[in-house]
Protein backbone atom coordinates (compact mmCIF):
# COMPACT_ATOMS: atom_id res chain seq x y z
CA MET A 1 98.96 104.24 72.76
CA ASN A 2 97.99 105.59 76.17
CA GLU A 3 97.69 102.81 78.72
CA HIS A 4 96.56 105.29 81.38
CA LYS A 5 93.15 105.55 79.68
CA PRO A 6 90.32 103.06 80.30
CA PRO A 7 91.05 100.01 78.10
CA VAL A 8 88.82 98.49 75.43
CA LEU A 9 89.77 95.49 73.30
CA CYS A 10 88.36 95.53 69.75
CA ILE A 11 87.90 92.58 67.38
CA VAL A 12 87.15 93.95 63.92
CA GLY A 13 87.07 92.92 60.28
CA PRO A 14 84.70 91.89 57.53
CA THR A 15 81.63 89.70 57.72
CA ALA A 16 82.11 85.92 57.96
CA THR A 17 85.56 85.92 59.56
CA GLY A 18 84.48 84.47 62.91
CA LYS A 19 84.68 87.64 65.01
CA SER A 20 81.78 86.60 67.24
CA ASP A 21 83.26 83.20 68.09
CA LEU A 22 86.62 84.77 68.88
CA GLY A 23 84.99 87.44 71.04
CA ILE A 24 83.24 84.79 73.12
CA ALA A 25 86.44 82.74 73.51
CA LEU A 26 88.39 85.81 74.63
CA ALA A 27 85.69 86.90 77.06
CA LYS A 28 85.73 83.49 78.77
CA ILE A 29 89.49 83.64 79.26
CA LEU A 30 89.84 87.34 80.05
CA ASN A 31 86.88 87.91 82.39
CA GLY A 32 85.28 90.01 79.71
CA GLU A 33 81.91 90.79 78.21
CA VAL A 34 81.04 91.45 74.57
CA LEU A 35 79.71 94.69 73.08
CA SER A 36 78.23 94.35 69.60
CA ALA A 37 79.50 96.93 67.11
CA ASP A 38 76.98 96.05 64.42
CA SER A 39 74.58 98.74 63.23
CA MET A 40 71.85 96.21 62.40
CA GLN A 41 71.99 94.10 65.55
CA VAL A 42 70.50 96.98 67.53
CA TYR A 43 67.09 96.18 65.99
CA ARG A 44 64.66 93.78 67.65
CA GLY A 45 63.27 90.97 65.55
CA MET A 46 66.22 91.07 63.15
CA ASP A 47 68.17 88.09 64.38
CA VAL A 48 68.98 85.59 61.66
CA GLY A 49 69.84 88.13 58.96
CA THR A 50 72.12 90.14 61.25
CA ALA A 51 73.89 87.02 62.57
CA LYS A 52 73.13 87.71 66.21
CA VAL A 53 74.68 85.00 68.34
CA PRO A 54 71.77 82.99 69.79
CA LEU A 55 71.55 82.96 73.57
CA HIS A 56 72.39 79.26 73.78
CA ALA A 57 75.59 79.82 71.75
CA ARG A 58 76.95 82.65 73.89
CA GLN A 59 78.40 80.16 76.40
CA GLY A 60 77.30 82.28 79.32
CA VAL A 61 79.13 85.39 78.09
CA PRO A 62 76.94 88.52 78.42
CA HIS A 63 76.38 90.40 75.15
CA HIS A 64 75.48 94.09 75.12
CA LEU A 65 74.03 96.59 72.62
CA LEU A 66 71.66 94.06 71.03
CA ASP A 67 67.89 94.53 70.53
CA LEU A 68 67.85 98.18 71.60
CA VAL A 69 65.05 99.52 69.37
CA GLU A 70 62.26 98.42 67.02
CA PRO A 71 63.05 98.40 63.29
CA ASP A 72 61.03 101.55 62.63
CA VAL A 73 62.97 103.63 65.18
CA ARG A 74 65.86 105.78 64.02
CA PHE A 75 69.12 104.79 65.70
CA THR A 76 72.28 106.74 64.93
CA VAL A 77 75.95 106.21 65.62
CA ALA A 78 75.67 108.94 68.27
CA ASP A 79 72.98 106.86 70.01
CA TRP A 80 75.25 103.83 69.87
CA VAL A 81 78.22 105.71 71.30
CA THR A 82 76.13 106.92 74.25
CA ALA A 83 74.98 103.37 74.98
CA ALA A 84 78.46 101.91 74.50
CA ASP A 85 80.08 104.44 76.85
CA GLU A 86 77.57 103.52 79.57
CA VAL A 87 78.24 99.80 79.20
CA ILE A 88 82.02 100.25 79.12
CA ALA A 89 81.96 102.34 82.30
CA ALA A 90 79.79 99.78 84.07
CA LEU A 91 82.08 96.92 83.05
CA HIS A 92 85.17 98.76 84.26
CA ARG A 93 83.51 99.36 87.63
CA ARG A 94 82.94 95.61 87.93
CA GLY A 95 86.49 94.74 86.93
CA LYS A 96 85.45 93.35 83.56
CA LEU A 97 87.20 93.77 80.20
CA PRO A 98 85.00 95.32 77.47
CA ILE A 99 85.47 93.45 74.19
CA VAL A 100 83.94 95.34 71.28
CA VAL A 101 83.19 92.97 68.40
CA GLY A 102 81.85 93.94 65.02
CA GLY A 103 82.23 95.11 61.47
CA THR A 104 80.51 98.50 61.47
CA GLY A 105 83.55 100.66 60.87
CA LEU A 106 82.12 103.94 62.09
CA TYR A 107 81.07 102.36 65.40
CA ILE A 108 84.59 101.05 65.93
CA ARG A 109 86.14 104.37 64.99
CA ALA A 110 83.82 106.16 67.42
CA ILE A 111 85.31 104.02 70.20
CA CYS A 112 88.90 104.63 69.06
CA GLU A 113 88.49 108.38 68.42
CA ASP A 114 86.49 111.21 69.97
CA LEU A 115 84.40 111.96 66.90
CA ASP A 116 82.12 114.98 66.84
CA PHE A 117 78.58 114.03 65.89
CA GLY A 118 77.10 117.39 66.69
CA ALA A 119 76.54 118.34 63.06
CA ALA A 120 74.73 115.13 62.19
CA THR A 121 71.22 116.44 62.89
CA GLU A 122 67.99 115.04 61.51
CA ALA A 123 65.79 116.31 58.70
CA PRO A 124 62.80 113.91 58.50
CA GLU A 125 61.08 115.74 55.64
CA ALA A 126 64.23 115.75 53.54
CA ARG A 127 64.81 112.08 54.29
CA GLN A 128 61.33 111.09 53.19
CA ARG A 129 61.76 113.10 50.01
CA TRP A 130 64.96 111.18 49.21
CA VAL A 131 63.28 107.88 50.10
CA ARG A 132 60.61 108.66 47.51
CA TYR A 133 63.35 109.61 45.05
CA LEU A 134 65.03 106.24 45.67
CA GLU A 135 61.78 104.37 45.11
CA ALA A 136 61.13 106.27 41.88
CA HIS A 137 64.63 106.38 40.37
CA GLY A 138 66.71 103.63 42.00
CA ALA A 139 69.96 103.33 43.93
CA GLU A 140 72.29 104.53 41.16
CA ALA A 141 70.40 107.81 40.75
CA LEU A 142 70.35 108.35 44.52
CA HIS A 143 74.10 107.79 44.69
CA ALA A 144 74.63 110.22 41.80
CA ALA A 145 72.65 112.86 43.71
CA LEU A 146 74.98 112.41 46.68
CA ALA A 147 78.05 112.63 44.43
CA LYS A 148 76.95 116.11 43.33
CA VAL A 149 76.88 117.53 46.86
CA ASP A 150 79.35 115.35 48.80
CA PRO A 151 81.88 113.62 46.49
CA PRO A 152 84.14 112.24 49.30
CA THR A 153 81.24 110.45 51.01
CA ALA A 154 79.86 109.20 47.69
CA GLN A 155 83.27 107.78 46.84
CA ARG A 156 83.44 105.66 49.99
CA LEU A 157 79.80 104.44 49.81
CA HIS A 158 78.62 101.82 47.35
CA PRO A 159 75.44 102.76 45.44
CA ASN A 160 73.72 99.72 46.94
CA ASP A 161 74.39 101.01 50.46
CA THR A 162 71.23 103.10 50.21
CA ARG A 163 70.79 103.35 53.99
CA ARG A 164 74.00 105.34 54.38
CA VAL A 165 73.52 107.26 51.14
CA LEU A 166 70.14 108.41 52.41
CA ARG A 167 71.69 109.39 55.73
CA ALA A 168 74.43 111.41 53.98
CA LEU A 169 71.84 113.33 51.94
CA GLU A 170 69.79 113.96 55.06
CA VAL A 171 72.84 115.29 56.93
CA TYR A 172 73.69 117.54 53.99
CA GLU A 173 70.26 119.15 54.05
CA ALA A 174 70.00 119.28 57.83
CA GLY A 175 73.35 121.03 58.01
CA GLY A 176 72.42 123.70 55.52
CA GLY A 177 74.72 122.33 52.84
CA ARG A 178 77.48 121.04 55.14
CA PRO A 179 78.32 117.55 53.84
CA LEU A 180 78.72 114.43 55.96
CA SER A 181 82.38 114.27 54.95
CA ALA A 182 82.90 117.53 56.86
CA SER A 183 81.08 116.27 59.97
CA TYR A 184 83.88 114.16 61.38
CA ASP A 185 87.59 114.56 61.99
CA TRP A 186 89.12 111.46 60.39
CA ARG A 187 92.70 111.99 61.56
CA VAL A 188 94.19 109.29 63.80
CA LYS A 189 94.62 111.01 67.16
CA GLY A 190 93.28 108.60 69.76
CA GLY A 191 90.31 109.10 72.00
CA ARG A 192 89.02 108.62 75.51
CA TYR A 193 89.95 104.91 75.65
CA TRP A 194 93.10 102.87 75.33
CA THR A 195 92.04 100.71 72.40
CA VAL A 196 93.78 97.92 70.55
CA GLN A 197 92.18 96.64 67.37
CA PHE A 198 92.79 93.12 66.07
CA GLY A 199 91.44 92.61 62.55
CA LEU A 200 90.53 89.19 61.20
CA THR A 201 91.07 88.44 57.53
CA VAL A 202 91.51 85.49 55.18
CA ASP A 203 92.28 85.03 51.49
CA ARG A 204 89.55 86.61 49.37
CA PRO A 205 88.34 83.39 47.62
CA ILE A 206 88.05 81.63 50.98
CA LEU A 207 86.24 84.61 52.46
CA TYR A 208 83.75 84.73 49.59
CA GLU A 209 83.05 81.03 49.97
CA ARG A 210 82.47 81.57 53.69
CA VAL A 211 80.02 84.35 52.80
CA ASN A 212 78.10 82.06 50.46
CA ARG A 213 77.91 79.30 53.06
CA ARG A 214 76.84 81.80 55.69
CA VAL A 215 73.92 83.00 53.55
CA ASP A 216 72.87 79.40 52.88
CA ALA A 217 72.97 78.74 56.63
CA MET A 218 70.82 81.82 57.29
CA MET A 219 68.22 80.59 54.83
CA ALA A 220 68.25 77.19 56.52
CA ASP A 221 67.84 78.92 59.90
CA GLY A 222 64.69 80.73 58.78
CA LEU A 223 65.74 84.05 57.27
CA ALA A 224 62.82 84.02 54.82
CA SER A 225 60.36 83.47 57.66
CA GLU A 226 61.97 86.24 59.71
CA VAL A 227 61.72 88.75 56.86
CA THR A 228 58.14 87.65 56.16
CA ARG A 229 57.15 88.35 59.77
CA LEU A 230 58.66 91.83 59.56
CA TRP A 231 56.93 92.44 56.22
CA GLU A 232 53.59 91.36 57.67
CA ARG A 233 54.09 93.86 60.50
CA GLY A 234 54.35 96.63 57.92
CA TYR A 235 58.10 97.15 57.90
CA SER A 236 58.92 98.16 54.32
CA ARG A 237 62.09 98.91 52.40
CA SER A 238 61.58 102.62 53.07
CA LEU A 239 62.88 102.07 56.63
CA PRO A 240 66.65 102.35 57.18
CA ALA A 241 66.67 99.06 59.08
CA MET A 242 65.04 97.26 56.16
CA GLN A 243 67.87 98.35 53.87
CA ALA A 244 70.12 95.85 55.62
CA ILE A 245 71.57 93.17 53.38
CA GLY A 246 69.40 90.06 53.54
CA TYR A 247 66.27 92.05 54.29
CA LYS A 248 65.95 94.38 51.32
CA GLU A 249 66.55 91.53 48.86
CA LEU A 250 63.97 89.22 50.45
CA LEU A 251 61.50 92.09 50.73
CA ALA A 252 61.86 92.50 46.97
CA TRP A 253 60.92 88.82 46.66
CA LEU A 254 57.90 89.30 48.92
CA ASP A 255 56.88 92.32 46.85
CA GLY A 256 56.90 90.09 43.76
CA GLU A 257 59.88 91.72 42.08
CA CYS A 258 62.02 88.57 41.83
CA SER A 259 62.13 84.87 42.64
CA LEU A 260 63.41 83.56 45.95
CA ALA A 261 66.47 82.09 44.22
CA GLU A 262 67.24 85.47 42.66
CA ALA A 263 66.85 87.17 46.03
CA VAL A 264 69.26 84.75 47.71
CA ALA A 265 71.79 85.24 44.90
CA ALA A 266 71.50 89.00 45.41
CA VAL A 267 72.09 88.61 49.15
CA LYS A 268 75.31 86.71 48.45
CA GLN A 269 76.51 89.22 45.87
CA ASN A 270 75.70 92.24 48.02
CA THR A 271 77.38 90.64 51.03
CA ARG A 272 80.55 90.03 49.02
CA ARG A 273 80.52 93.66 47.93
CA PHE A 274 79.98 94.73 51.52
CA VAL A 275 82.97 92.65 52.61
CA LYS A 276 85.17 94.53 50.15
CA ARG A 277 84.02 97.86 51.59
CA GLN A 278 84.62 96.66 55.14
CA LEU A 279 88.15 95.61 54.27
CA SER A 280 88.84 98.95 52.58
CA TRP A 281 87.53 100.80 55.63
CA PHE A 282 89.57 98.94 58.23
CA ARG A 283 92.74 98.88 56.13
CA ARG A 284 92.74 102.69 56.16
CA ASP A 285 93.38 102.59 59.92
CA PRO A 286 97.09 101.88 60.52
CA ARG A 287 96.39 100.84 64.11
CA VAL A 288 94.58 97.62 63.17
CA GLU A 289 96.76 94.60 63.89
CA TRP A 290 95.80 92.11 61.20
CA ILE A 291 95.48 88.40 61.88
CA GLU A 292 95.41 86.02 58.93
CA LEU A 293 93.14 83.05 59.57
CA ASP A 294 94.19 79.60 58.44
CA PRO A 295 92.32 77.98 55.51
CA GLU A 296 89.83 76.48 57.98
CA GLY A 297 89.04 79.92 59.37
CA ARG A 298 90.89 79.42 62.66
CA VAL A 299 93.16 81.80 64.55
CA GLU A 300 96.67 80.39 64.86
CA ASP A 301 97.90 79.73 68.41
CA ALA A 302 100.64 82.36 68.17
CA ASP A 303 98.13 85.01 67.13
CA LEU A 304 95.72 84.01 69.89
CA GLN A 305 98.50 84.36 72.43
CA ARG A 306 99.30 87.82 71.03
CA ILE A 307 95.69 88.91 71.57
CA LEU A 308 95.57 87.34 75.03
CA SER A 309 98.77 89.11 76.06
CA VAL A 310 97.20 92.49 75.25
CA GLY A 311 93.91 91.52 76.88
CA GLN A 312 95.61 90.36 80.07
CA ARG A 313 97.49 93.64 80.33
CA MET A 314 94.23 95.54 79.87
CA LEU A 315 92.41 93.40 82.44
CA ALA A 316 95.20 93.87 84.98
CA GLY A 317 94.88 97.63 84.61
CA ILE A 318 91.12 97.53 85.07
CA GLN A 319 91.31 95.35 88.17
CA SER A 320 94.09 97.46 89.63
CA ALA A 321 91.92 100.57 89.23
CA CYS A 322 89.05 98.78 90.96
CA ARG A 323 91.22 98.07 93.99
CA GLU A 324 92.29 101.67 94.39
């Protein structure tokens, strides 16, 4: 830990653990603002399915890194890092505490480490070829193709995570056979910020029930209508953004491949699988300070005070720097 670096507080963990609510509560107490670390919330028009906090529910707390691009625009982790660095610098200048909230592990790691994204170039022709391969042969075959050229990346990606599998194959071809697993230095060294990560978790059965209720709430809030609007605008499953959970399943329904009930069941199942991968990702980082929620999904008072103590120390450092 290097407290002489610019501080950033991170709230991480799997889907449906209440990270957004906690981020807002902390920001109100700590004179902070929230940065979304969610790879799907950068897309405009994808609100319900990505669980963006509605404006009226943000309680006056500014949220950054939302609605940056249209769903048919490529947006990489390197793009996100550039945008995040700009926001963090601006917040520090104003004496505000940046609170990064989200479950996209690579985004969080890019804040905690100085990762090198230079090798992750683009190869549009190769990507389209693999998209056609996916459409013709399915997710399992696509994942098997990745396993042949980049076993470490294939091992950490689920076959249903076709968006990232496609990206890994694209990086492999763009790099002349250099796999994605060789593109980043995964050692824990620390980066340009003083970061502290608090991870939210809860017993697996409770978490899965929260996931199921969350999907039901999304359907009640108009997820099917949202996906239909995107479909009518021509956004198909061939786009990386449309591979997001909740969108690809309902697009399959709109394409006549399944019933709506089957699509919703698939959303729940794929979200539960995604939660397992998120937990595996964050548990590999020994710096995450885990907080066990109570059965009602609340943060215990002692844990909240632990987070606030760190946040107050960070805020004091930021405001002291502003006065110099």
